[in-house]
Amino acid sequence: MKVLEILEEKKRKKELKYVELAKYLGITKQCFSKHLKKLRKGKISFSALQIQKICSFLNEDISIFFDY
């Protein structure tokens, strides 16, 4: 599963808003929206630090983003 799919699934289950995540990551809602748009097109991904922060925000282990 792709990072974006996992993020969207966790967001739905926990009833979170992307604006909350953007604030937690220290970026604006607009910047996060642009990042998501590029993610959907497959042009970029999250950095390792961003993934770590996202996991902290979601209260999830980082292993959810990696296939074994």
PDB file of N, CA and C in Angstrom:
ATOM      1  N   MET A   1       0.839  -1.181   0.000  1.00  0.00           N
ATOM      2  CA  MET A   1       0.000   0.000   0.000  1.00  0.00           C
ATOM      3  C   MET A   1       0.886   1.247   0.000  1.00  0.00           C
ATOM      4  N   LYS A   2       0.500   2.229  -0.741  1.00  0.00           N
ATOM      5  CA  LYS A   2       1.271   3.467  -0.815  1.00  0.00           C
ATOM      6  C   LYS A   2       1.100   4.296   0.450  1.00  0.00           C
ATOM      7  N   VAL A   3       2.092   5.159   0.677  1.00  0.00           N
ATOM      8  CA  VAL A   3       2.070   6.037   1.854  1.00  0.00           C
ATOM      9  C   VAL A   3       0.788   6.860   1.899  1.00  0.00           C
ATOM     10  N   LEU A   4       0.399   7.420   0.782  1.00  0.00           N
ATOM     11  CA  LEU A   4      -0.803   8.257   0.741  1.00  0.00           C
ATOM     12  C   LEU A   4      -2.058   7.446   1.066  1.00  0.00           C
ATOM     13  N   GLU A   5      -2.149   6.233   0.557  1.00  0.00           N
ATOM     14  CA  GLU A   5      -3.316   5.380   0.853  1.00  0.00           C
ATOM     15  C   GLU A   5      -3.389   5.055   2.337  1.00  0.00           C
ATOM     16  N   ILE A   6      -2.248   4.745   2.920  1.00  0.00           N
ATOM     17  CA  ILE A   6      -2.203   4.436   4.362  1.00  0.00           C
ATOM     18  C   ILE A   6      -2.599   5.665   5.159  1.00  0.00           C
ATOM     19  N   LEU A   7      -2.048   6.805   4.785  1.00  0.00           N
ATOM     20  CA  LEU A   7      -2.367   8.057   5.487  1.00  0.00           C
ATOM     21  C   LEU A   7      -3.855   8.365   5.406  1.00  0.00           C
ATOM     22  N   GLU A   8      -4.440   8.229   4.236  1.00  0.00           N
ATOM     23  CA  GLU A   8      -5.867   8.519   4.078  1.00  0.00           C
ATOM     24  C   GLU A   8      -6.731   7.540   4.867  1.00  0.00           C
ATOM     25  N   GLU A   9      -6.330   6.275   4.900  1.00  0.00           N
ATOM     26  CA  GLU A   9      -7.080   5.285   5.676  1.00  0.00           C
ATOM     27  C   GLU A   9      -7.041   5.612   7.168  1.00  0.00           C
ATOM     28  N   LYS A  10      -5.860   5.916   7.691  1.00  0.00           N
ATOM     29  CA  LYS A  10      -5.722   6.251   9.118  1.00  0.00           C
ATOM     30  C   LYS A  10      -6.469   7.541   9.443  1.00  0.00           C
ATOM     31  N   LYS A  11      -6.416   8.502   8.527  1.00  0.00           N
ATOM     32  CA  LYS A  11      -7.111   9.780   8.718  1.00  0.00           C
ATOM     33  C   LYS A  11      -8.613   9.553   8.854  1.00  0.00           C
ATOM     34  N   ARG A  12      -9.151   8.703   7.989  1.00  0.00           N
ATOM     35  CA  ARG A  12     -10.587   8.385   8.035  1.00  0.00           C
ATOM     36  C   ARG A  12     -10.956   7.677   9.334  1.00  0.00           C
ATOM     37  N   LYS A  13     -10.193   6.674   9.693  1.00  0.00           N
ATOM     38  CA  LYS A  13     -10.494   5.897  10.904  1.00  0.00           C
ATOM     39  C   LYS A  13     -10.432   6.736  12.166  1.00  0.00           C
ATOM     40  N   LYS A  14      -9.487   7.654  12.218  1.00  0.00           N
ATOM     41  CA  LYS A  14      -9.293   8.466  13.421  1.00  0.00           C
ATOM     42  C   LYS A  14     -10.016   9.806  13.348  1.00  0.00           C
ATOM     43  N   GLU A  15     -10.738  10.030  12.235  1.00  0.00           N
ATOM     44  CA  GLU A  15     -11.504  11.257  12.022  1.00  0.00           C
ATOM     45  C   GLU A  15     -10.649  12.511  12.203  1.00  0.00           C
ATOM     46  N   LEU A  16      -9.509  12.508  11.522  1.00  0.00           N
ATOM     47  CA  LEU A  16      -8.583  13.632  11.576  1.00  0.00           C
ATOM     48  C   LEU A  16      -8.723  14.489  10.328  1.00  0.00           C
ATOM     49  N   LYS A  17      -8.248  15.696  10.420  1.00  0.00           N
ATOM     50  CA  LYS A  17      -8.260  16.612   9.278  1.00  0.00           C
ATOM     51  C   LYS A  17      -6.822  16.879   8.852  1.00  0.00           C
ATOM     52  N   TYR A  18      -6.646  17.041   7.530  1.00  0.00           N
ATOM     53  CA  TYR A  18      -5.306  17.313   7.022  1.00  0.00           C
ATOM     54  C   TYR A  18      -4.750  18.619   7.562  1.00  0.00           C
ATOM     55  N   VAL A  19      -5.609  19.575   7.861  1.00  0.00           N
ATOM     56  CA  VAL A  19      -5.136  20.851   8.400  1.00  0.00           C
ATOM     57  C   VAL A  19      -4.457  20.625   9.758  1.00  0.00           C
ATOM     58  N   GLU A  20      -4.950  19.675  10.539  1.00  0.00           N
ATOM     59  CA  GLU A  20      -4.332  19.356  11.824  1.00  0.00           C
ATOM     60  C   GLU A  20      -2.946  18.751  11.614  1.00  0.00           C
ATOM     61  N   LEU A  21      -2.846  17.857  10.635  1.00  0.00           N
ATOM     62  CA  LEU A  21      -1.563  17.230  10.332  1.00  0.00           C
ATOM     63  C   LEU A  21      -0.574  18.261   9.794  1.00  0.00           C
ATOM     64  N   ALA A  22      -1.033  19.135   8.921  1.00  0.00           N
ATOM     65  CA  ALA A  22      -0.159  20.182   8.377  1.00  0.00           C
ATOM     66  C   ALA A  22       0.409  21.039   9.505  1.00  0.00           C
ATOM     67  N   LYS A  23      -0.445  21.418  10.430  1.00  0.00           N
ATOM     68  CA  LYS A  23      -0.004  22.231  11.563  1.00  0.00           C
ATOM     69  C   LYS A  23       1.031  21.473  12.392  1.00  0.00           C
ATOM     70  N   TYR A  24       0.791  20.183  12.610  1.00  0.00           N
ATOM     71  CA  TYR A  24       1.723  19.350  13.373  1.00  0.00           C
ATOM     72  C   TYR A  24       3.081  19.258  12.667  1.00  0.00           C
ATOM     73  N   LEU A  25       3.045  19.195  11.330  1.00  0.00           N
ATOM     74  CA  LEU A  25       4.282  19.113  10.548  1.00  0.00           C
ATOM     75  C   LEU A  25       4.984  20.457  10.425  1.00  0.00           C
ATOM     76  N   GLY A  26       4.284  21.529  10.817  1.00  0.00           N
ATOM     77  CA  GLY A  26       4.876  22.852  10.774  1.00  0.00           C
ATOM     78  C   GLY A  26       4.821  23.502   9.406  1.00  0.00           C
ATOM     79  N   ILE A  27       3.813  23.101   8.612  1.00  0.00           N
ATOM     80  CA  ILE A  27       3.641  23.702   7.293  1.00  0.00           C
ATOM     81  C   ILE A  27       2.217  24.226   7.168  1.00  0.00           C
ATOM     82  N   THR A  28       2.002  25.084   6.196  1.00  0.00           N
ATOM     83  CA  THR A  28       0.670  25.645   6.005  1.00  0.00           C
ATOM     84  C   THR A  28      -0.252  24.622   5.344  1.00  0.00           C
ATOM     85  N   LYS A  29      -1.532  24.859   5.472  1.00  0.00           N
ATOM     86  CA  LYS A  29      -2.540  24.009   4.837  1.00  0.00           C
ATOM     87  C   LYS A  29      -2.338  24.004   3.322  1.00  0.00           C
ATOM     88  N   GLN A  30      -2.039  25.162   2.774  1.00  0.00           N
ATOM     89  CA  GLN A  30      -1.844  25.289   1.332  1.00  0.00           C
ATOM     90  C   GLN A  30      -0.626  24.485   0.870  1.00  0.00           C
ATOM     91  N   CYS A  31       0.454  24.573   1.598  1.00  0.00           N
ATOM     92  CA  CYS A  31       1.672  23.833   1.268  1.00  0.00           C
ATOM     93  C   CYS A  31       1.407  22.326   1.340  1.00  0.00           C
ATOM     94  N   PHE A  32       0.688  21.902   2.370  1.00  0.00           N
ATOM     95  CA  PHE A  32       0.367  20.487   2.521  1.00  0.00           C
ATOM     96  C   PHE A  32      -0.545  20.029   1.388  1.00  0.00           C
ATOM     97  N   SER A  33      -1.492  20.859   1.000  1.00  0.00           N
ATOM     98  CA  SER A  33      -2.389  20.517  -0.108  1.00  0.00           C
ATOM     99  C   SER A  33      -1.612  20.323  -1.408  1.00  0.00           C
ATOM    100  N   LYS A  34      -0.653  21.199  -1.663  1.00  0.00           N
ATOM    101  CA  LYS A  34       0.190  21.064  -2.861  1.00  0.00           C
ATOM    102  C   LYS A  34       1.007  19.778  -2.797  1.00  0.00           C
ATOM    103  N   HIS A  35       1.516  19.457  -1.616  1.00  0.00           N
ATOM    104  CA  HIS A  35       2.289  18.233  -1.423  1.00  0.00           C
ATOM    105  C   HIS A  35       1.412  17.008  -1.709  1.00  0.00           C
ATOM    106  N   LEU A  36       0.181  17.012  -1.200  1.00  0.00           N
ATOM    107  CA  LEU A  36      -0.736  15.896  -1.438  1.00  0.00           C
ATOM    108  C   LEU A  36      -1.045  15.742  -2.926  1.00  0.00           C
ATOM    109  N   LYS A  37      -1.215  16.859  -3.604  1.00  0.00           N
ATOM    110  CA  LYS A  37      -1.504  16.829  -5.039  1.00  0.00           C
ATOM    111  C   LYS A  37      -0.354  16.165  -5.801  1.00  0.00           C
ATOM    112  N   LYS A  38       0.869  16.523  -5.444  1.00  0.00           N
ATOM    113  CA  LYS A  38       2.040  15.917  -6.082  1.00  0.00           C
ATOM    114  C   LYS A  38       2.173  14.442  -5.710  1.00  0.00           C
ATOM    115  N   LEU A  39       1.816  14.097  -4.474  1.00  0.00           N
ATOM    116  CA  LEU A  39       1.837  12.688  -4.049  1.00  0.00           C
ATOM    117  C   LEU A  39       0.872  11.858  -4.887  1.00  0.00           C
ATOM    118  N   ARG A  40      -0.318  12.393  -5.089  1.00  0.00           N
ATOM    119  CA  ARG A  40      -1.336  11.676  -5.879  1.00  0.00           C
ATOM    120  C   ARG A  40      -0.880  11.444  -7.311  1.00  0.00           C
ATOM    121  N   LYS A  41      -0.080  12.367  -7.827  1.00  0.00           N
ATOM    122  CA  LYS A  41       0.441  12.229  -9.191  1.00  0.00           C
ATOM    123  C   LYS A  41       1.700  11.358  -9.239  1.00  0.00           C
ATOM    124  N   GLY A  42       2.213  10.993  -8.065  1.00  0.00           N
ATOM    125  CA  GLY A  42       3.414  10.160  -8.003  1.00  0.00           C
ATOM    126  C   GLY A  42       4.707  10.906  -8.267  1.00  0.00           C
ATOM    127  N   LYS A  43       4.670  12.225  -8.136  1.00  0.00           N
ATOM    128  CA  LYS A  43       5.851  13.045  -8.418  1.00  0.00           C
ATOM    129  C   LYS A  43       6.806  13.148  -7.238  1.00  0.00           C
ATOM    130  N   ILE A  44       6.280  13.038  -6.020  1.00  0.00           N
ATOM    131  CA  ILE A  44       7.116  13.145  -4.823  1.00  0.00           C
ATOM    132  C   ILE A  44       6.612  12.175  -3.768  1.00  0.00           C
ATOM    133  N   SER A  45       7.350  12.106  -2.674  1.00  0.00           N
ATOM    134  CA  SER A  45       6.925  11.317  -1.529  1.00  0.00           C
ATOM    135  C   SER A  45       7.222  12.143  -0.283  1.00  0.00           C
ATOM    136  N   PHE A  46       6.945  11.585   0.864  1.00  0.00           N
ATOM    137  CA  PHE A  46       7.308  12.242   2.111  1.00  0.00           C
ATOM    138  C   PHE A  46       8.753  11.906   2.434  1.00  0.00           C
ATOM    139  N   SER A  47       9.430  12.798   3.111  1.00  0.00           N
ATOM    140  CA  SER A  47      10.787  12.523   3.582  1.00  0.00           C
ATOM    141  C   SER A  47      10.691  11.580   4.783  1.00  0.00           C
ATOM    142  N   ALA A  48      11.809  10.992   5.148  1.00  0.00           N
ATOM    143  CA  ALA A  48      11.849  10.094   6.305  1.00  0.00           C
ATOM    144  C   ALA A  48      11.419  10.836   7.572  1.00  0.00           C
ATOM    145  N   LEU A  49      11.854  12.081   7.705  1.00  0.00           N
ATOM    146  CA  LEU A  49      11.481  12.879   8.875  1.00  0.00           C
ATOM    147  C   LEU A  49       9.978  13.149   8.899  1.00  0.00           C
ATOM    148  N   GLN A  50       9.413  13.465   7.729  1.00  0.00           N
ATOM    149  CA  GLN A  50       7.970  13.703   7.661  1.00  0.00           C
ATOM    150  C   GLN A  50       7.199  12.433   8.013  1.00  0.00           C
ATOM    151  N   ILE A  51       7.650  11.294   7.533  1.00  0.00           N
ATOM    152  CA  ILE A  51       6.977  10.024   7.860  1.00  0.00           C
ATOM    153  C   ILE A  51       7.042   9.770   9.351  1.00  0.00           C
ATOM    154  N   GLN A  52       8.193  10.045   9.956  1.00  0.00           N
ATOM    155  CA  GLN A  52       8.336   9.866  11.399  1.00  0.00           C
ATOM    156  C   GLN A  52       7.356  10.772  12.152  1.00  0.00           C
ATOM    157  N   LYS A  53       7.237  12.018  11.730  1.00  0.00           N
ATOM    158  CA  LYS A  53       6.316  12.961  12.378  1.00  0.00           C
ATOM    159  C   LYS A  53       4.856  12.554  12.162  1.00  0.00           C
ATOM    160  N   ILE A  54       4.551  12.069  10.966  1.00  0.00           N
ATOM    161  CA  ILE A  54       3.188  11.608  10.677  1.00  0.00           C
ATOM    162  C   ILE A  54       2.828  10.444  11.594  1.00  0.00           C
ATOM    163  N   CYS A  55       3.750   9.516  11.773  1.00  0.00           N
ATOM    164  CA  CYS A  55       3.500   8.378  12.669  1.00  0.00           C
ATOM    165  C   CYS A  55       3.283   8.841  14.101  1.00  0.00           C
ATOM    166  N   SER A  56       4.057   9.814  14.522  1.00  0.00           N
ATOM    167  CA  SER A  56       3.887  10.373  15.860  1.00  0.00           C
ATOM    168  C   SER A  56       2.512  11.015  15.990  1.00  0.00           C
ATOM    169  N   PHE A  57       2.105  11.783  14.983  1.00  0.00           N
ATOM    170  CA  PHE A  57       0.790  12.434  14.982  1.00  0.00           C
ATOM    171  C   PHE A  57      -0.330  11.406  15.029  1.00  0.00           C
ATOM    172  N   LEU A  58      -0.179  10.324  14.255  1.00  0.00           N
ATOM    173  CA  LEU A  58      -1.212   9.285  14.197  1.00  0.00           C
ATOM    174  C   LEU A  58      -1.133   8.299  15.365  1.00  0.00           C
ATOM    175  N   ASN A  59      -0.065   8.429  16.148  1.00  0.00           N
ATOM    176  CA  ASN A  59       0.190   7.494  17.248  1.00  0.00           C
ATOM    177  C   ASN A  59       0.301   6.060  16.711  1.00  0.00           C
ATOM    178  N   GLU A  60       1.071   5.921  15.641  1.00  0.00           N
ATOM    179  CA  GLU A  60       1.283   4.635  14.981  1.00  0.00           C
ATOM    180  C   GLU A  60       2.775   4.361  14.893  1.00  0.00           C
ATOM    181  N   ASP A  61       3.133   3.088  14.800  1.00  0.00           N
ATOM    182  CA  ASP A  61       4.517   2.698  14.595  1.00  0.00           C
ATOM    183  C   ASP A  61       4.901   2.957  13.146  1.00  0.00           C
ATOM    184  N   ILE A  62       6.127   3.344  12.931  1.00  0.00           N
ATOM    185  CA  ILE A  62       6.596   3.666  11.580  1.00  0.00           C
ATOM    186  C   ILE A  62       6.519   2.469  10.636  1.00  0.00           C
ATOM    187  N   SER A  63       6.474   1.274  11.174  1.00  0.00           N
ATOM    188  CA  SER A  63       6.440   0.060  10.354  1.00  0.00           C
ATOM    189  C   SER A  63       5.167  -0.032   9.491  1.00  0.00           C
ATOM    190  N   ILE A  64       4.131   0.758   9.798  1.00  0.00           N
ATOM    191  CA  ILE A  64       2.914   0.705   8.982  1.00  0.00           C
ATOM    192  C   ILE A  64       3.174   1.135   7.548  1.00  0.00           C
ATOM    193  N   PHE A  65       4.252   1.886   7.334  1.00  0.00           N
ATOM    194  CA  PHE A  65       4.567   2.380   5.999  1.00  0.00           C
ATOM    195  C   PHE A  65       5.540   1.491   5.219  1.00  0.00           C
ATOM    196  N   PHE A  66       5.958   0.388   5.801  1.00  0.00           N
ATOM    197  CA  PHE A  66       6.949  -0.457   5.142  1.00  0.00           C
ATOM    198  C   PHE A  66       6.455  -1.885   5.009  1.00  0.00           C
ATOM    199  N   ASP A  67       6.671  -2.451   3.839  1.00  0.00           N
ATOM    200  CA  ASP A  67       6.329  -3.857   3.589  1.00  0.00           C
ATOM    201  C   ASP A  67       7.507  -4.722   4.024  1.00  0.00           C
ATOM    202  N   TYR A  68       7.184  -5.861   4.588  1.00  0.00           N
ATOM    203  CA  TYR A  68       8.240  -6.801   4.992  1.00  0.00           C
ATOM    204  C   TYR A  68       8.163  -8.042   4.161  1.00  0.00           C
TER     205      TYR A  68
END
